[in-house]
Every structure is written in C-alpha cells, then in structure tokens.
PDB file of N, CA and C in Angstrom:
ATOM      1  N   UNK A   1      34.169 197.218 174.272  1.00  0.00           N
ATOM      2  CA  UNK A   1      34.630 195.881 173.998  1.00  0.00           C
ATOM      3  C   UNK A   1      33.862 194.929 174.913  1.00  0.00           C
ATOM      4  N   UNK A   2      33.289 193.891 174.328  1.00  0.00           N
ATOM      5  CA  UNK A   2      32.579 192.898 175.119  1.00  0.00           C
ATOM      6  C   UNK A   2      33.566 191.866 175.631  1.00  0.00           C
ATOM      7  N   UNK A   3      33.446 191.537 176.901  1.00  0.00           N
ATOM      8  CA  UNK A   3      34.310 190.534 177.502  1.00  0.00           C
ATOM      9  C   UNK A   3      33.455 189.557 178.276  1.00  0.00           C
ATOM     10  N   UNK A   4      33.998 188.382 178.508  1.00  0.00           N
ATOM     11  CA  UNK A   4      33.297 187.331 179.238  1.00  0.00           C
ATOM     12  C   UNK A   4      33.993 187.087 180.562  1.00  0.00           C
ATOM     13  N   UNK A   5      33.224 186.733 181.571  1.00  0.00           N
ATOM     14  CA  UNK A   5      33.781 186.334 182.852  1.00  0.00           C
ATOM     15  C   UNK A   5      32.851 185.318 183.482  1.00  0.00           C
ATOM     16  N   UNK A   6      33.369 184.567 184.425  1.00  0.00           N
ATOM     17  CA  UNK A   6      32.565 183.602 185.147  1.00  0.00           C
ATOM     18  C   UNK A   6      32.294 184.167 186.527  1.00  0.00           C
ATOM     19  N   UNK A   7      31.009 184.217 186.898  1.00  0.00           N
ATOM     20  CA  UNK A   7      30.671 184.773 188.203  1.00  0.00           C
ATOM     21  C   UNK A   7      30.884 183.726 189.293  1.00  0.00           C
ATOM     22  N   UNK A   8      30.575 184.080 190.533  1.00  0.00           N
ATOM     23  CA  UNK A   8      30.845 183.195 191.664  1.00  0.00           C
ATOM     24  C   UNK A   8      30.050 181.895 191.608  1.00  0.00           C
ATOM     25  N   UNK A   9      28.967 181.860 190.854  1.00  0.00           N
ATOM     26  CA  UNK A   9      28.166 180.642 190.719  1.00  0.00           C
ATOM     27  C   UNK A   9      28.623 179.797 189.531  1.00  0.00           C
ATOM     28  N   UNK A  10      29.645 180.245 188.816  1.00  0.00           N
ATOM     29  CA  UNK A  10      30.149 179.505 187.672  1.00  0.00           C
ATOM     30  C   UNK A  10      29.391 179.789 186.387  1.00  0.00           C
ATOM     31  N   UNK A  11      28.567 180.828 186.383  1.00  0.00           N
ATOM     32  CA  UNK A  11      27.788 181.180 185.203  1.00  0.00           C
ATOM     33  C   UNK A  11      28.613 182.119 184.332  1.00  0.00           C
ATOM     34  N   UNK A  12      28.701 181.789 183.047  1.00  0.00           N
ATOM     35  CA  UNK A  12      29.445 182.630 182.107  1.00  0.00           C
ATOM     36  C   UNK A  12      28.595 183.847 181.765  1.00  0.00           C
ATOM     37  N   UNK A  13      29.156 185.032 181.976  1.00  0.00           N
ATOM     38  CA  UNK A  13      28.417 186.266 181.738  1.00  0.00           C
ATOM     39  C   UNK A  13      29.229 187.188 180.835  1.00  0.00           C
ATOM     40  N   UNK A  14      28.515 188.075 180.182  1.00  0.00           N
ATOM     41  CA  UNK A  14      29.146 189.024 179.280  1.00  0.00           C
ATOM     42  C   UNK A  14      29.104 190.409 179.911  1.00  0.00           C
ATOM     43  N   UNK A  15      30.192 191.144 179.776  1.00  0.00           N
ATOM     44  CA  UNK A  15      30.258 192.495 180.331  1.00  0.00           C
ATOM     45  C   UNK A  15      30.863 193.419 179.273  1.00  0.00           C
ATOM     46  N   UNK A  16      30.387 194.639 179.247  1.00  0.00           N
ATOM     47  CA  UNK A  16      30.922 195.642 178.324  1.00  0.00           C
ATOM     48  C   UNK A  16      32.039 196.389 179.043  1.00  0.00           C
ATOM     49  N   UNK A  17      33.265 196.266 178.567  1.00  0.00           N
ATOM     50  CA  UNK A  17      34.416 196.868 179.231  1.00  0.00           C
ATOM     51  C   UNK A  17      35.177 197.751 178.244  1.00  0.00           C
ATOM     52  N   UNK A  18      35.843 198.752 178.782  1.00  0.00           N
ATOM     53  CA  UNK A  18      36.672 199.646 177.975  1.00  0.00           C
ATOM     54  C   UNK A  18      38.106 199.585 178.481  1.00  0.00           C
ATOM     55  N   UNK A  19      39.035 199.638 177.559  1.00  0.00           N
ATOM     56  CA  UNK A  19      40.451 199.748 177.929  1.00  0.00           C
ATOM     57  C   UNK A  19      40.751 201.239 177.968  1.00  0.00           C
ATOM     58  N   UNK A  20      41.025 201.746 179.155  1.00  0.00           N
ATOM     59  CA  UNK A  20      41.260 203.178 179.321  1.00  0.00           C
ATOM     60  C   UNK A  20      42.733 203.513 179.093  1.00  0.00           C
ATOM     61  N   UNK A  21      43.632 202.698 179.635  1.00  0.00           N
ATOM     62  CA  UNK A  21      45.059 202.970 179.500  1.00  0.00           C
ATOM     63  C   UNK A  21      45.832 201.669 179.637  1.00  0.00           C
ATOM     64  N   UNK A  22      46.860 201.512 178.831  1.00  0.00           N
ATOM     65  CA  UNK A  22      47.737 200.351 178.941  1.00  0.00           C
ATOM     66  C   UNK A  22      49.059 200.652 178.253  1.00  0.00           C
ATOM     67  N   UNK A  23      50.130 200.094 178.799  1.00  0.00           N
ATOM     68  CA  UNK A  23      51.435 200.199 178.162  1.00  0.00           C
ATOM     69  C   UNK A  23      51.589 199.146 177.064  1.00  0.00           C
ATOM     70  N   UNK A  24      50.686 198.196 177.024  1.00  0.00           N
ATOM     71  CA  UNK A  24      50.754 197.112 176.038  1.00  0.00           C
ATOM     72  C   UNK A  24      50.155 197.599 174.727  1.00  0.00           C
ATOM     73  N   UNK A  25      50.956 197.543 173.671  1.00  0.00           N
ATOM     74  CA  UNK A  25      50.442 197.945 172.364  1.00  0.00           C
ATOM     75  C   UNK A  25      49.529 196.848 171.824  1.00  0.00           C
ATOM     76  N   UNK A  26      48.499 197.240 171.144  1.00  0.00           N
ATOM     77  CA  UNK A  26      47.522 196.331 170.539  1.00  0.00           C
ATOM     78  C   UNK A  26      46.844 195.431 171.583  1.00  0.00           C
ATOM     79  N   UNK A  27      46.604 195.949 172.767  1.00  0.00           N
ATOM     80  CA  UNK A  27      45.956 195.162 173.821  1.00  0.00           C
ATOM     81  C   UNK A  27      44.552 194.731 173.426  1.00  0.00           C
ATOM     82  N   UNK A  28      43.834 195.602 172.745  1.00  0.00           N
ATOM     83  CA  UNK A  28      42.470 195.258 172.327  1.00  0.00           C
ATOM     84  C   UNK A  28      42.470 194.047 171.400  1.00  0.00           C
ATOM     85  N   UNK A  29      43.406 193.992 170.478  1.00  0.00           N
ATOM     86  CA  UNK A  29      43.512 192.845 169.578  1.00  0.00           C
ATOM     87  C   UNK A  29      43.889 191.567 170.317  1.00  0.00           C
ATOM     88  N   UNK A  30      44.792 191.692 171.286  1.00  0.00           N
ATOM     89  CA  UNK A  30      45.205 190.539 172.090  1.00  0.00           C
ATOM     90  C   UNK A  30      44.024 189.997 172.878  1.00  0.00           C
ATOM     91  N   UNK A  31      43.266 190.875 173.523  1.00  0.00           N
ATOM     92  CA  UNK A  31      42.104 190.447 174.303  1.00  0.00           C
ATOM     93  C   UNK A  31      41.030 189.820 173.416  1.00  0.00           C
ATOM     94  N   UNK A  32      40.870 190.336 172.218  1.00  0.00           N
ATOM     95  CA  UNK A  32      39.883 189.766 171.295  1.00  0.00           C
ATOM     96  C   UNK A  32      40.268 188.337 170.915  1.00  0.00           C
ATOM     97  N   UNK A  33      41.557 188.077 170.699  1.00  0.00           N
ATOM     98  CA  UNK A  33      42.010 186.715 170.359  1.00  0.00           C
ATOM     99  C   UNK A  33      41.848 185.779 171.546  1.00  0.00           C
ATOM    100  N   UNK A  34      42.106 186.259 172.760  1.00  0.00           N
ATOM    101  CA  UNK A  34      41.978 185.427 173.954  1.00  0.00           C
ATOM    102  C   UNK A  34      40.529 185.000 174.149  1.00  0.00           C
ATOM    103  N   UNK A  35      39.602 185.890 173.880  1.00  0.00           N
ATOM    104  CA  UNK A  35      38.183 185.614 174.110  1.00  0.00           C
ATOM    105  C   UNK A  35      37.564 184.722 173.040  1.00  0.00           C
ATOM    106  N   UNK A  36      38.308 184.409 171.985  1.00  0.00           N
ATOM    107  CA  UNK A  36      37.781 183.593 170.897  1.00  0.00           C
ATOM    108  C   UNK A  36      38.171 182.137 171.088  1.00  0.00           C
ATOM    109  N   UNK A  37      37.168 181.259 171.131  1.00  0.00           N
ATOM    110  CA  UNK A  37      37.446 179.827 171.282  1.00  0.00           C
ATOM    111  C   UNK A  37      37.877 179.251 169.940  1.00  0.00           C
ATOM    112  N   UNK A  38      38.980 178.501 169.918  1.00  0.00           N
ATOM    113  CA  UNK A  38      39.461 177.923 168.649  1.00  0.00           C
ATOM    114  C   UNK A  38      38.589 176.728 168.225  1.00  0.00           C
ATOM    115  N   UNK A  39      37.504 177.003 167.505  1.00  0.00           N
ATOM    116  CA  UNK A  39      36.560 175.953 167.102  1.00  0.00           C
ATOM    117  C   UNK A  39      37.231 174.854 166.273  1.00  0.00           C
ATOM    118  N   UNK A  40      38.265 175.181 165.519  1.00  0.00           N
ATOM    119  CA  UNK A  40      38.925 174.174 164.695  1.00  0.00           C
ATOM    120  C   UNK A  40      39.657 173.125 165.543  1.00  0.00           C
ATOM    121  N   UNK A  41      39.914 173.422 166.819  1.00  0.00           N
ATOM    122  CA  UNK A  41      40.585 172.472 167.718  1.00  0.00           C
ATOM    123  C   UNK A  41      39.600 171.725 168.622  1.00  0.00           C
ATOM    124  N   UNK A  42      38.320 172.031 168.516  1.00  0.00           N
ATOM    125  CA  UNK A  42      37.316 171.502 169.438  1.00  0.00           C
ATOM    126  C   UNK A  42      37.274 169.975 169.461  1.00  0.00           C
ATOM    127  N   UNK A  43      37.224 169.326 168.312  1.00  0.00           N
ATOM    128  CA  UNK A  43      37.101 167.866 168.237  1.00  0.00           C
ATOM    129  C   UNK A  43      38.301 167.194 168.887  1.00  0.00           C
ATOM    130  N   UNK A  44      39.506 167.646 168.573  1.00  0.00           N
ATOM    131  CA  UNK A  44      40.711 167.054 169.153  1.00  0.00           C
ATOM    132  C   UNK A  44      40.766 167.272 170.667  1.00  0.00           C
ATOM    133  N   UNK A  45      40.354 168.441 171.119  1.00  0.00           N
ATOM    134  CA  UNK A  45      40.352 168.710 172.565  1.00  0.00           C
ATOM    135  C   UNK A  45      39.345 167.830 173.290  1.00  0.00           C
ATOM    136  N   UNK A  46      38.173 167.619 172.686  1.00  0.00           N
ATOM    137  CA  UNK A  46      37.160 166.756 173.298  1.00  0.00           C
ATOM    138  C   UNK A  46      37.641 165.293 173.322  1.00  0.00           C
ATOM    139  N   UNK A  47      38.272 164.843 172.256  1.00  0.00           N
ATOM    140  CA  UNK A  47      38.818 163.483 172.231  1.00  0.00           C
ATOM    141  C   UNK A  47      39.865 163.303 173.323  1.00  0.00           C
ATOM    142  N   UNK A  48      40.732 164.280 173.470  1.00  0.00           N
ATOM    143  CA  UNK A  48      41.773 164.220 174.487  1.00  0.00           C
ATOM    144  C   UNK A  48      41.162 164.174 175.886  1.00  0.00           C
ATOM    145  N   UNK A  49      40.169 165.014 176.119  1.00  0.00           N
ATOM    146  CA  UNK A  49      39.502 165.052 177.425  1.00  0.00           C
ATOM    147  C   UNK A  49      38.846 163.713 177.732  1.00  0.00           C
ATOM    148  N   UNK A  50      38.054 163.198 176.807  1.00  0.00           N
ATOM    149  CA  UNK A  50      37.345 161.943 177.050  1.00  0.00           C
ATOM    150  C   UNK A  50      38.289 160.750 177.175  1.00  0.00           C
ATOM    151  N   UNK A  51      39.409 160.778 176.471  1.00  0.00           N
ATOM    152  CA  UNK A  51      40.342 159.657 176.560  1.00  0.00           C
ATOM    153  C   UNK A  51      41.024 159.589 177.926  1.00  0.00           C
ATOM    154  N   UNK A  52      41.087 160.704 178.626  1.00  0.00           N
ATOM    155  CA  UNK A  52      41.746 160.733 179.931  1.00  0.00           C
ATOM    156  C   UNK A  52      40.785 160.528 181.098  1.00  0.00           C
ATOM    157  N   UNK A  53      39.489 160.533 180.842  1.00  0.00           N
ATOM    158  CA  UNK A  53      38.513 160.369 181.921  1.00  0.00           C
ATOM    159  C   UNK A  53      38.673 159.066 182.705  1.00  0.00           C
ATOM    160  N   UNK A  54      38.865 157.913 182.054  1.00  0.00           N
ATOM    161  CA  UNK A  54      39.010 156.682 182.844  1.00  0.00           C
ATOM    162  C   UNK A  54      40.165 156.749 183.843  1.00  0.00           C
ATOM    163  N   UNK A  55      41.257 157.352 183.450  1.00  0.00           N
ATOM    164  CA  UNK A  55      42.400 157.496 184.352  1.00  0.00           C
ATOM    165  C   UNK A  55      42.045 158.369 185.552  1.00  0.00           C
ATOM    166  N   UNK A  56      41.395 159.481 185.300  1.00  0.00           N
ATOM    167  CA  UNK A  56      41.035 160.385 186.392  1.00  0.00           C
ATOM    168  C   UNK A  56      40.000 159.749 187.317  1.00  0.00           C
ATOM    169  N   UNK A  57      39.054 158.992 186.743  1.00  0.00           N
ATOM    170  CA  UNK A  57      38.071 158.310 187.585  1.00  0.00           C
ATOM    171  C   UNK A  57      38.726 157.212 188.416  1.00  0.00           C
ATOM    172  N   UNK A  58      39.774 156.589 187.888  1.00  0.00           N
ATOM    173  CA  UNK A  58      40.470 155.571 188.682  1.00  0.00           C
ATOM    174  C   UNK A  58      41.172 156.216 189.879  1.00  0.00           C
ATOM    175  N   UNK A  59      41.679 157.449 189.700  1.00  0.00           N
ATOM    176  CA  UNK A  59      42.257 158.174 190.839  1.00  0.00           C
ATOM    177  C   UNK A  59      41.192 158.431 191.898  1.00  0.00           C
ATOM    178  N   UNK A  60      39.989 158.779 191.461  1.00  0.00           N
ATOM    179  CA  UNK A  60      38.916 159.047 192.414  1.00  0.00           C
ATOM    180  C   UNK A  60      38.492 157.759 193.132  1.00  0.00           C
ATOM    181  N   UNK A  61      38.475 156.630 192.414  1.00  0.00           N
ATOM    182  CA  UNK A  61      38.152 155.351 193.056  1.00  0.00           C
ATOM    183  C   UNK A  61      39.211 154.984 194.089  1.00  0.00           C
ATOM    184  N   UNK A  62      40.471 155.215 193.763  1.00  0.00           N
ATOM    185  CA  UNK A  62      41.552 154.963 194.707  1.00  0.00           C
ATOM    186  C   UNK A  62      41.392 155.844 195.950  1.00  0.00           C
ATOM    187  N   UNK A  63      41.027 157.091 195.742  1.00  0.00           N
ATOM    188  CA  UNK A  63      40.838 158.005 196.865  1.00  0.00           C
ATOM    189  C   UNK A  63      39.715 157.519 197.773  1.00  0.00           C
ATOM    190  N   UNK A  64      38.626 157.051 197.167  1.00  0.00           N
ATOM    191  CA  UNK A  64      37.517 156.556 197.982  1.00  0.00           C
ATOM    192  C   UNK A  64      37.918 155.289 198.733  1.00  0.00           C
ATOM    193  N   UNK A  65      38.625 154.406 198.057  1.00  0.00           N
ATOM    194  CA  UNK A  65      39.050 153.160 198.687  1.00  0.00           C
ATOM    195  C   UNK A  65      39.995 153.426 199.859  1.00  0.00           C
ATOM    196  N   UNK A  66      40.950 154.320 199.651  1.00  0.00           N
ATOM    197  CA  UNK A  66      41.963 154.579 200.680  1.00  0.00           C
ATOM    198  C   UNK A  66      41.535 155.630 201.704  1.00  0.00           C
ATOM    199  N   UNK A  67      40.415 156.311 201.426  1.00  0.00           N
ATOM    200  CA  UNK A  67      39.935 157.402 202.291  1.00  0.00           C
ATOM    201  C   UNK A  67      41.026 158.457 202.508  1.00  0.00           C
ATOM    202  N   UNK A  68      41.753 158.733 201.444  1.00  0.00           N
ATOM    203  CA  UNK A  68      42.857 159.688 201.490  1.00  0.00           C
ATOM    204  C   UNK A  68      42.395 161.048 200.974  1.00  0.00           C
ATOM    205  N   UNK A  69      42.470 162.051 201.826  1.00  0.00           N
ATOM    206  CA  UNK A  69      42.088 163.407 201.427  1.00  0.00           C
ATOM    207  C   UNK A  69      43.005 163.904 200.315  1.00  0.00           C
ATOM    208  N   UNK A  70      44.280 163.587 200.415  1.00  0.00           N
ATOM    209  CA  UNK A  70      45.227 164.023 199.387  1.00  0.00           C
ATOM    210  C   UNK A  70      44.839 163.438 198.029  1.00  0.00           C
ATOM    211  N   UNK A  71      44.502 162.149 197.981  1.00  0.00           N
ATOM    212  CA  UNK A  71      44.099 161.528 196.715  1.00  0.00           C
ATOM    213  C   UNK A  71      42.805 162.143 196.188  1.00  0.00           C
ATOM    214  N   UNK A  72      41.856 162.445 197.069  1.00  0.00           N
ATOM    215  CA  UNK A  72      40.616 163.094 196.636  1.00  0.00           C
ATOM    216  C   UNK A  72      40.927 164.423 195.966  1.00  0.00           C
ATOM    217  N   UNK A  73      41.722 165.236 196.649  1.00  0.00           N
ATOM    218  CA  UNK A  73      42.035 166.564 196.109  1.00  0.00           C
ATOM    219  C   UNK A  73      42.835 166.469 194.816  1.00  0.00           C
ATOM    220  N   UNK A  74      43.804 165.598 194.796  1.00  0.00           N
ATOM    221  CA  UNK A  74      44.642 165.442 193.610  1.00  0.00           C
ATOM    222  C   UNK A  74      43.800 164.989 192.417  1.00  0.00           C
ATOM    223  N   UNK A  75      42.942 163.997 192.640  1.00  0.00           N
ATOM    224  CA  UNK A  75      42.086 163.501 191.559  1.00  0.00           C
ATOM    225  C   UNK A  75      41.111 164.545 191.075  1.00  0.00           C
ATOM    226  N   UNK A  76      40.510 165.276 191.997  1.00  0.00           N
ATOM    227  CA  UNK A  76      39.536 166.315 191.610  1.00  0.00           C
ATOM    228  C   UNK A  76      40.211 167.446 190.851  1.00  0.00           C
ATOM    229  N   UNK A  77      41.398 167.847 191.304  1.00  0.00           N
ATOM    230  CA  UNK A  77      42.111 168.930 190.617  1.00  0.00           C
ATOM    231  C   UNK A  77      42.540 168.487 189.223  1.00  0.00           C
ATOM    232  N   UNK A  78      43.043 167.268 189.105  1.00  0.00           N
ATOM    233  CA  UNK A  78      43.457 166.773 187.785  1.00  0.00           C
ATOM    234  C   UNK A  78      42.279 166.717 186.827  1.00  0.00           C
ATOM    235  N   UNK A  79      41.128 166.300 187.316  1.00  0.00           N
ATOM    236  CA  UNK A  79      39.949 166.233 186.471  1.00  0.00           C
ATOM    237  C   UNK A  79      39.471 167.625 186.090  1.00  0.00           C
ATOM    238  N   UNK A  80      39.487 168.558 187.019  1.00  0.00           N
ATOM    239  CA  UNK A  80      39.021 169.919 186.751  1.00  0.00           C
ATOM    240  C   UNK A  80      39.956 170.665 185.793  1.00  0.00           C
ATOM    241  N   UNK A  81      41.229 170.339 185.804  1.00  0.00           N
ATOM    242  CA  UNK A  81      42.187 171.027 184.929  1.00  0.00           C
ATOM    243  C   UNK A  81      42.009 170.631 183.472  1.00  0.00           C
ATOM    244  N   UNK A  82      41.389 169.540 183.226  1.00  0.00           N
ATOM    245  CA  UNK A  82      41.201 169.095 181.851  1.00  0.00           C
ATOM    246  C   UNK A  82      40.081 169.846 181.273  1.00  0.00           C
TER     247      UNK A  82
END
C-alpha cells in the first residue's frame, strides 16, 4: 500500500507500507480514503481559505504593532491551520 508523509523539511514523500496486523476491520480501505484528496471540494476550500486571509493578516499586523509574542504565535497558528 502506498502512503504519503511529510518529512522534516516539509516535503511530501511517498512510501510503500504494509499493514501487518490490526484490530480495525477494513483498515486498508479506511487508509485509502484518508489518503485521497476530495477534489470536488477543492474550489470551496480555496475560496474559504482566501476569504479568511485578510483577517489573519490583520492579526499579524496587530502582533507587529504591539510587539506581542502571544499575538504573533496566535496569528501564525491560525493562519497555518487553514
């Protein structure tokens, strides 16, 4: 079974893995669905991401203005989670 992972440099890589034992029935099917990107949702997800960018950038501007480490971290985490 081919699986994807992100290495320490953030590069997406493919690895050939085998499921040797699991108590979870149909684990191979579950993993195959997880590894598949829902292309039919791509446009809506991109619209949602781009619509929230101005808000996240305003948090970063506030962090720079106030020199607040908490605001920097909060803004960066919120942006990265999207």
